[in-house]
C-alpha atoms as a PDB file:
ATOM      1  CA  MET A   1      -0.042  -0.074  -0.104  1.00  0.00           C
ATOM      2  CA  SER A   2       1.529   3.292  -1.076  1.00  0.00           C
ATOM      3  CA  SER A   3       1.983   5.776   1.890  1.00  0.00           C
ATOM      4  CA  ASN A   4      -0.595   8.379   0.381  1.00  0.00           C
ATOM      5  CA  ARG A   5      -2.992   6.040   0.879  1.00  0.00           C
ATOM      6  CA  ARG A   6      -2.290   5.606   4.578  1.00  0.00           C
ATOM      7  CA  ASN A   7      -4.746   8.516   5.798  1.00  0.00           C
ATOM      8  CA  ALA A   8      -6.932   8.912   8.644  1.00  0.00           C
ATOM      9  CA  LYS A   9      -9.524   6.773   6.475  1.00  0.00           C
ATOM     10  CA  PHE A  10      -7.178   4.019   6.293  1.00  0.00           C
ATOM     11  CA  TRP A  11      -6.466   3.593   9.729  1.00  0.00           C
ATOM     12  CA  LEU A  12     -10.022   3.779  10.582  1.00  0.00           C
ATOM     13  CA  THR A  13     -10.904   1.031   8.190  1.00  0.00           C
ATOM     14  CA  VAL A  14      -8.199  -1.020   9.214  1.00  0.00           C
ATOM     15  CA  TRP A  15      -8.626  -0.708  13.131  1.00  0.00           C
ATOM     16  CA  TRP A  16     -12.106  -0.302  13.707  1.00  0.00           C
ATOM     17  CA  PRO A  17     -12.678  -4.211  14.250  1.00  0.00           C
ATOM     18  CA  VAL A  18     -10.169  -4.181  16.844  1.00  0.00           C
ATOM     19  CA  ALA A  19     -11.423  -1.314  18.585  1.00  0.00           C
ATOM     20  CA  LEU A  20     -15.265  -2.536  18.550  1.00  0.00           C
ATOM     21  CA  SER A  21     -13.843  -5.777  19.907  1.00  0.00           C
ATOM     22  CA  ALA A  22     -12.220  -4.050  22.489  1.00  0.00           C
ATOM     23  CA  ALA A  23     -15.623  -2.003  23.535  1.00  0.00           C
ATOM     24  CA  VAL A  24     -17.705  -5.240  23.393  1.00  0.00           C
ATOM     25  CA  VAL A  25     -15.179  -6.538  25.791  1.00  0.00           C
ATOM     26  CA  ALA A  26     -15.216  -3.455  28.032  1.00  0.00           C
ATOM     27  CA  ALA A  27     -18.695  -3.447  28.363  1.00  0.00           C
ATOM     28  CA  SER A  28     -18.974  -7.602  28.827  1.00  0.00           C
ATOM     29  CA  SER A  29     -16.384  -7.014  32.054  1.00  0.00           C
ATOM     30  CA  SER A  30     -19.025  -5.149  33.889  1.00  0.00           C
ATOM     31  CA  SER A  31     -20.862  -7.098  36.808  1.00  0.00           C
ATOM     32  CA  TRP A  32     -23.908  -7.810  34.815  1.00  0.00           C
ATOM     33  CA  MET A  33     -21.865 -10.338  32.902  1.00  0.00           C
ATOM     34  CA  GLY A  34     -21.097 -12.173  35.973  1.00  0.00           C
ATOM     35  CA  SER A  35     -22.172 -15.934  36.097  1.00  0.00           C
ATOM     36  CA  ASP A  36     -24.675 -14.801  38.994  1.00  0.00           C
ATOM     37  CA  HIS A  37     -26.582 -12.466  36.306  1.00  0.00           C
ATOM     38  CA  THR A  38     -25.954 -14.712  33.057  1.00  0.00           C
ATOM     39  CA  SER A  39     -27.204 -17.975  34.626  1.00  0.00           C
ATOM     40  CA  GLY A  40     -30.805 -17.324  34.345  1.00  0.00           C
ATOM     41  CA  PRO A  41     -30.985 -15.897  30.726  1.00  0.00           C
ATOM     42  CA  LEU A  42     -28.751 -18.400  29.520  1.00  0.00           C
ATOM     43  CA  ARG A  43     -30.720 -21.184  31.440  1.00  0.00           C
ATOM     44  CA  TRP A  44     -34.141 -20.014  29.900  1.00  0.00           C
ATOM     45  CA  LEU A  45     -32.923 -19.770  26.441  1.00  0.00           C
ATOM     46  CA  TRP A  46     -30.640 -23.317  26.840  1.00  0.00           C
ATOM     47  CA  GLN A  47     -34.284 -24.948  27.697  1.00  0.00           C
ATOM     48  CA  MET A  48     -35.852 -23.452  25.030  1.00  0.00           C
ATOM     49  CA  VAL A  49     -33.647 -25.306  22.785  1.00  0.00           C
ATOM     50  CA  PHE A  50     -32.870 -28.593  24.390  1.00  0.00           C
ATOM     51  CA  GLY A  51     -35.666 -28.730  26.919  1.00  0.00           C
ATOM     52  CA  PRO A  52     -35.511 -28.851  30.782  1.00  0.00           C
ATOM     53  CA  VAL A  53     -32.123 -29.570  32.675  1.00  0.00           C
ATOM     54  CA  PRO A  54     -31.980 -30.482  36.013  1.00  0.00           C
ATOM     55  CA  ASP A  55     -30.104 -27.943  38.609  1.00  0.00           C
ATOM     56  CA  ALA A  56     -26.877 -30.341  39.262  1.00  0.00           C
ATOM     57  CA  ARG A  57     -26.090 -30.594  35.192  1.00  0.00           C
ATOM     58  CA  TRP A  58     -27.103 -26.802  34.651  1.00  0.00           C
ATOM     59  CA  ASP A  59     -24.207 -25.860  36.711  1.00  0.00           C
ATOM     60  CA  THR A  60     -21.582 -27.645  34.483  1.00  0.00           C
ATOM     61  CA  ILE A  61     -23.464 -26.828  31.362  1.00  0.00           C
ATOM     62  CA  HIS A  62     -23.602 -22.895  32.370  1.00  0.00           C
ATOM     63  CA  PHE A  63     -19.591 -23.233  32.746  1.00  0.00           C
ATOM     64  CA  ILE A  64     -19.003 -25.012  29.674  1.00  0.00           C
ATOM     65  CA  VAL A  65     -21.218 -22.054  27.331  1.00  0.00           C
ATOM     66  CA  ARG A  66     -19.266 -19.407  29.546  1.00  0.00           C
ATOM     67  CA  LYS A  67     -15.848 -20.851  28.540  1.00  0.00           C
ATOM     68  CA  THR A  68     -17.124 -21.714  25.100  1.00  0.00           C
ATOM     69  CA  GLY A  69     -17.860 -17.911  25.012  1.00  0.00           C
ATOM     70  CA  HIS A  70     -14.368 -17.112  25.989  1.00  0.00           C
ATOM     71  CA  PHE A  71     -12.545 -19.223  23.286  1.00  0.00           C
ATOM     72  CA  THR A  72     -14.916 -17.903  20.371  1.00  0.00           C
ATOM     73  CA  GLY A  73     -14.926 -14.544  20.918  1.00  0.00           C
ATOM     74  CA  TYR A  74     -11.444 -14.226  21.700  1.00  0.00           C
ATOM     75  CA  GLY A  75     -11.070 -16.289  18.362  1.00  0.00           C
ATOM     76  CA  LEU A  76     -13.118 -13.475  16.519  1.00  0.00           C
ATOM     77  CA  ILE A  77     -10.516 -11.028  18.588  1.00  0.00           C
ATOM     78  CA  GLY A  78      -7.890 -12.486  17.259  1.00  0.00           C
ATOM     79  CA  LEU A  79      -9.172 -12.517  13.742  1.00  0.00           C
ATOM     80  CA  ALA A  80      -9.811  -8.897  14.042  1.00  0.00           C
ATOM     81  CA  TRP A  81      -6.158  -8.344  15.337  1.00  0.00           C
ATOM     82  CA  LEU A  82      -4.777 -10.558  12.544  1.00  0.00           C
ATOM     83  CA  ARG A  83      -6.742  -8.592  10.016  1.00  0.00           C
ATOM     84  CA  ALA A  84      -5.432  -5.015  10.989  1.00  0.00           C
ATOM     85  CA  TRP A  85      -1.675  -6.301  11.503  1.00  0.00           C
ATOM     86  CA  TRP A  86      -2.226  -7.868   7.749  1.00  0.00           C
ATOM     87  CA  LEU A  87      -3.301  -4.744   6.392  1.00  0.00           C
ATOM     88  CA  THR A  88      -1.122  -2.369   8.191  1.00  0.00           C
ATOM     89  CA  LEU A  89       2.030  -4.461   7.312  1.00  0.00           C
ATOM     90  CA  PRO A  90       1.451  -5.984   4.108  1.00  0.00           C
ATOM     91  CA  ARG A  91       4.942  -7.016   3.173  1.00  0.00           C
ATOM     92  CA  SER A  92       5.339  -8.907   6.178  1.00  0.00           C
ATOM     93  CA  ARG A  93       5.209 -12.851   6.901  1.00  0.00           C
ATOM     94  CA  TYR A  94       1.856 -14.133   7.846  1.00  0.00           C
ATOM     95  CA  THR A  95       3.673 -15.256  11.006  1.00  0.00           C
ATOM     96  CA  LEU A  96       4.415 -11.952  12.476  1.00  0.00           C
ATOM     97  CA  ASN A  97       0.784 -11.055  11.784  1.00  0.00           C
ATOM     98  CA  ALA A  98      -0.384 -13.949  13.632  1.00  0.00           C
ATOM     99  CA  VAL A  99       2.001 -13.555  16.577  1.00  0.00           C
ATOM    100  CA  LEU A 100       1.096  -9.884  16.841  1.00  0.00           C
ATOM    101  CA  ALA A 101      -2.667 -10.859  16.698  1.00  0.00           C
ATOM    102  CA  VAL A 102      -2.107 -13.596  19.518  1.00  0.00           C
ATOM    103  CA  LEU A 103      -0.305 -10.689  21.635  1.00  0.00           C
ATOM    104  CA  GLY A 104      -2.786  -8.308  20.952  1.00  0.00           C
ATOM    105  CA  SER A 105      -5.791 -10.595  22.087  1.00  0.00           C
ATOM    106  CA  ALA A 106      -3.671 -11.334  25.069  1.00  0.00           C
ATOM    107  CA  LEU A 107      -3.131  -7.985  26.061  1.00  0.00           C
ATOM    108  CA  LEU A 108      -6.925  -7.268  25.682  1.00  0.00           C
ATOM    109  CA  ALA A 109      -7.635 -10.604  27.792  1.00  0.00           C
ATOM    110  CA  SER A 110      -4.976  -9.443  30.494  1.00  0.00           C
ATOM    111  CA  CYS A 111      -6.652  -6.344  31.084  1.00  0.00           C
ATOM    112  CA  ASP A 112     -10.168  -7.928  30.866  1.00  0.00           C
ATOM    113  CA  GLU A 113      -9.190 -10.017  33.657  1.00  0.00           C
ATOM    114  CA  PHE A 114      -7.352  -7.560  35.793  1.00  0.00           C
ATOM    115  CA  HIS A 115     -10.507  -5.306  35.629  1.00  0.00           C
ATOM    116  CA  GLN A 116     -12.671  -8.117  36.367  1.00  0.00           C
ATOM    117  CA  SER A 117     -10.628  -8.769  39.700  1.00  0.00           C
ATOM    118  CA  PHE A 118     -11.872  -5.732  40.901  1.00  0.00           C
ATOM    119  CA  LEU A 119     -15.467  -6.206  40.529  1.00  0.00           C
ATOM    120  CA  PRO A 120     -17.228  -7.986  43.684  1.00  0.00           C
ATOM    121  CA  ASN A 121     -19.135 -11.172  41.782  1.00  0.00           C
ATOM    122  CA  ARG A 122     -16.173 -11.562  38.832  1.00  0.00           C
ATOM    123  CA  THR A 123     -12.878 -12.801  39.345  1.00  0.00           C
ATOM    124  CA  GLY A 124      -9.852 -12.229  37.255  1.00  0.00           C
ATOM    125  CA  SER A 125      -8.437 -15.835  36.210  1.00  0.00           C
ATOM    126  CA  PRO A 126      -4.867 -16.230  34.298  1.00  0.00           C
ATOM    127  CA  TRP A 127      -6.729 -19.594  33.162  1.00  0.00           C
ATOM    128  CA  ASP A 128      -9.390 -17.332  31.419  1.00  0.00           C
ATOM    129  CA  VAL A 129      -6.594 -15.170  29.872  1.00  0.00           C
ATOM    130  CA  LEU A 130      -5.126 -18.618  28.491  1.00  0.00           C
ATOM    131  CA  LEU A 131      -8.204 -19.601  26.885  1.00  0.00           C
ATOM    132  CA  ASP A 132      -8.771 -16.525  25.418  1.00  0.00           C
ATOM    133  CA  CYS A 133      -5.259 -16.717  23.796  1.00  0.00           C
ATOM    134  CA  CYS A 134      -5.877 -20.048  22.479  1.00  0.00           C
ATOM    135  CA  GLY A 135      -8.953 -19.023  21.250  1.00  0.00           C
ATOM    136  CA  ALA A 136      -6.915 -16.688  19.036  1.00  0.00           C
ATOM    137  CA  THR A 137      -4.272 -18.807  18.280  1.00  0.00           C
ATOM    138  CA  ALA A 138      -6.794 -21.311  16.928  1.00  0.00           C
ATOM    139  CA  MET A 139      -8.494 -19.049  14.579  1.00  0.00           C
ATOM    140  CA  CYS A 140      -4.980 -17.693  13.573  1.00  0.00           C
ATOM    141  CA  LEU A 141      -4.419 -21.272  12.573  1.00  0.00           C
ATOM    142  CA  LEU A 142      -7.119 -21.649  10.790  1.00  0.00           C
ATOM    143  CA  VAL A 143      -6.817 -18.746   8.615  1.00  0.00           C
ATOM    144  CA  PRO A 144      -4.171 -20.302   6.231  1.00  0.00           C
ATOM    145  CA  VAL A 145      -5.578 -23.775   6.259  1.00  0.00           C
ATOM    146  CA  CYS A 146      -9.084 -22.244   5.087  1.00  0.00           C
ATOM    147  CA  ALA A 147      -6.832 -20.013   2.657  1.00  0.00           C
ATOM    148  CA  ARG A 148      -5.370 -23.487   1.225  1.00  0.00           C
ATOM    149  CA  LEU A 149      -8.615 -25.644   0.864  1.00  0.00           C
ATOM    150  CA  LEU A 150     -10.500 -22.895  -0.719  1.00  0.00           C
ATOM    151  CA  ARG A 151      -7.515 -22.378  -2.915  1.00  0.00           C
ATOM    152  CA  ARG A 152      -7.544 -25.724  -4.189  1.00  0.00           C
ATOM    153  CA  GLU A 153     -11.265 -25.849  -4.447  1.00  0.00           C
ATOM    154  CA  GLY A 154     -11.168 -22.998  -6.594  1.00  0.00           C
ATOM    155  CA  LEU A 155      -8.491 -24.329  -9.103  1.00  0.00           C
ATOM    156  CA  GLN A 156     -10.524 -27.697  -9.214  1.00  0.00           C
ATOM    157  CA  ARG A 157     -13.323 -25.809 -10.277  1.00  0.00           C
ATOM    158  CA  ALA A 158     -11.389 -23.735 -12.930  1.00  0.00           C
ATOM    159  CA  ALA A 159     -10.164 -27.168 -14.247  1.00  0.00           C
END
C-alpha cells in the first residue's frame, strides 16, 4: 500500500474492528455479565432449545457455555487483530501478523481479567487469559488452512 493512501480513513478502516472488539470486551466485563447474572437468561435459552435441565447439571452446562464464549469470542478478536496487522504490515510474513494478533488478544484478555478482579461478583483468572489466547491462536491457525482449502477448491473448479 502506498504511503499516500495511509490517511486517517485507512487507519480507521483497518483498526475499527479491533476497537469495536475492545469496546465489546469492556462492556461485557461488567458485574452484570457475571455468572450470577447470566445463569438465568442462558438457562432459559438453553431450555427453550434443548428442554429442561436439572440444577446439578445446569452448573456444568453454564460453565461450559461461558468458557466456550471466551474461546469463541477471543477467536474472533484474534481475527480482528490479524486483519488489522495484515493490512498495516502488508509485506510482512503471515507468522508475524499472527503472533502480533495473539499478543494483542492476550493484552486485551489480561486487561479484561485484571479489571474483573476488582468487581465483587467477578474473578480475574489467568486461566481465562490462557483460554482466550487459545481461541485467538486457533483462529489464526485456521486462516491459512482455510485459505489453502479454498484455493485448492477454486483451482479444481477452474480445471
